[in-house]
Amino acid sequence: MRDDDESFNSGAPASANMVGLLRKLKSAGKPITLSINGQGKLEVADDESFRLALALIDRLETIEGIKEGVRFFEEGGKGFTWEQIHEEIQRKYGTPI
């Protein structure tokens, strides 16, 4: 949960206040929190912010995978030579590289 929570709870039916919600979302430049009677919070983000968040998650997962590989080798893990990888790919897929 974010510390800078900004709630949007107009008390009006959602369909009646959709234009106001979209304007607030666009002007906020960050996700906003929706709630019904102060309960059931929901974070809503514009498309650009959502895509950025997905890209950042992907990047963090990639970095973590690289760190895990480095730890493996630092702890004495055995890697493979290019020749071993090449032979395995040819054996498994019957495809020259």
Protein backbone atom coordinates (compact mmCIF):
# COMPACT_ATOMS: atom_id res chain seq x y z
CA MET A 1 0.00 0.00 0.00
CA ARG A 2 1.29 3.44 -0.86
CA ASP A 3 1.82 6.08 1.82
CA ASP A 4 0.50 8.80 -0.48
CA ASP A 5 -2.96 7.20 -0.76
CA GLU A 6 -5.38 9.45 -2.56
CA SER A 7 -8.94 8.16 -2.43
CA PHE A 8 -11.74 8.82 -4.85
CA ASN A 9 -15.12 8.19 -3.23
CA SER A 10 -17.82 10.46 -4.50
CA GLY A 11 -20.80 8.52 -3.17
CA ALA A 12 -22.34 8.80 -6.66
CA PRO A 13 -23.00 5.74 -8.81
CA ALA A 14 -19.86 4.72 -10.72
CA SER A 15 -21.41 5.21 -14.15
CA ALA A 16 -22.54 8.73 -13.26
CA ASN A 17 -19.09 9.75 -12.15
CA MET A 18 -16.92 7.94 -14.73
CA VAL A 19 -15.93 11.15 -16.52
CA GLY A 20 -14.79 12.71 -13.25
CA LEU A 21 -12.83 9.59 -12.36
CA LEU A 22 -11.07 9.54 -15.72
CA ARG A 23 -10.19 13.24 -15.44
CA LYS A 24 -8.79 12.71 -11.95
CA LEU A 25 -6.80 9.67 -13.09
CA LYS A 26 -5.29 11.56 -16.01
CA SER A 27 -4.42 14.66 -13.95
CA ALA A 28 -3.00 12.68 -11.02
CA GLY A 29 -0.27 11.08 -13.13
CA LYS A 30 -0.20 8.18 -10.66
CA PRO A 31 -2.59 5.42 -9.60
CA ILE A 32 -5.59 6.45 -7.55
CA THR A 33 -7.48 4.43 -4.96
CA LEU A 34 -11.17 3.68 -5.38
CA SER A 35 -13.28 2.69 -2.40
CA ILE A 36 -16.90 1.94 -1.66
CA ASN A 37 -18.01 3.24 1.71
CA GLY A 38 -14.36 3.26 2.74
CA GLN A 39 -14.03 -0.47 2.06
CA GLY A 40 -12.65 -2.68 -0.70
CA LYS A 41 -9.93 -0.40 -2.04
CA LEU A 42 -8.92 -0.79 -5.65
CA GLU A 43 -5.92 0.82 -7.34
CA VAL A 44 -6.57 2.21 -10.82
CA ALA A 45 -3.80 3.36 -13.15
CA ASP A 46 -3.76 4.86 -16.62
CA ASP A 47 -2.44 2.73 -19.48
CA GLU A 48 0.99 4.37 -19.63
CA SER A 49 1.61 3.95 -15.90
CA PHE A 50 0.46 0.33 -16.00
CA ARG A 51 2.76 -0.50 -18.93
CA LEU A 52 5.67 1.18 -17.14
CA ALA A 53 4.99 -0.88 -14.02
CA LEU A 54 4.96 -4.10 -16.08
CA ALA A 55 8.24 -3.14 -17.76
CA LEU A 56 9.83 -2.42 -14.38
CA ILE A 57 8.65 -5.76 -12.99
CA ASP A 58 10.13 -7.54 -16.01
CA ARG A 59 13.42 -5.69 -15.54
CA LEU A 60 13.57 -6.53 -11.83
CA GLU A 61 12.89 -10.21 -12.56
CA THR A 62 15.68 -10.21 -15.15
CA ILE A 63 18.12 -8.60 -12.72
CA GLU A 64 17.19 -11.14 -10.04
CA GLY A 65 17.79 -13.99 -12.50
CA ILE A 66 21.23 -12.61 -13.35
CA LYS A 67 22.08 -12.24 -9.65
CA GLU A 68 20.99 -15.83 -9.05
CA GLY A 69 23.25 -17.02 -11.88
CA VAL A 70 26.20 -15.06 -10.49
CA ARG A 71 25.61 -16.54 -6.99
CA PHE A 72 25.49 -20.03 -8.51
CA PHE A 73 28.92 -19.62 -10.07
CA GLU A 74 30.38 -17.85 -7.03
CA GLU A 75 29.32 -20.81 -4.90
CA GLY A 76 31.25 -23.20 -7.15
CA GLY A 77 28.48 -24.12 -9.56
CA LYS A 78 29.59 -25.82 -12.75
CA GLY A 79 28.78 -24.16 -16.04
CA PHE A 80 28.83 -25.55 -19.57
CA THR A 81 31.18 -24.89 -22.46
CA TRP A 82 29.88 -23.56 -25.76
CA GLU A 83 30.65 -26.93 -27.32
CA GLN A 84 28.50 -28.74 -24.73
CA ILE A 85 25.60 -26.35 -25.29
CA HIS A 86 25.97 -26.59 -29.07
CA GLU A 87 25.94 -30.41 -28.98
CA GLU A 88 22.91 -30.48 -26.67
CA ILE A 89 20.89 -28.16 -28.92
CA GLN A 90 21.77 -30.19 -32.01
CA ARG A 91 20.90 -33.44 -30.23
CA LYS A 92 17.64 -32.13 -28.76
CA TYR A 93 16.32 -30.17 -31.73
CA GLY A 94 18.30 -31.56 -34.65
CA THR A 95 19.13 -28.00 -35.63
CA PRO A 96 22.57 -26.64 -36.43
CA ILE A 97 23.47 -23.34 -34.84
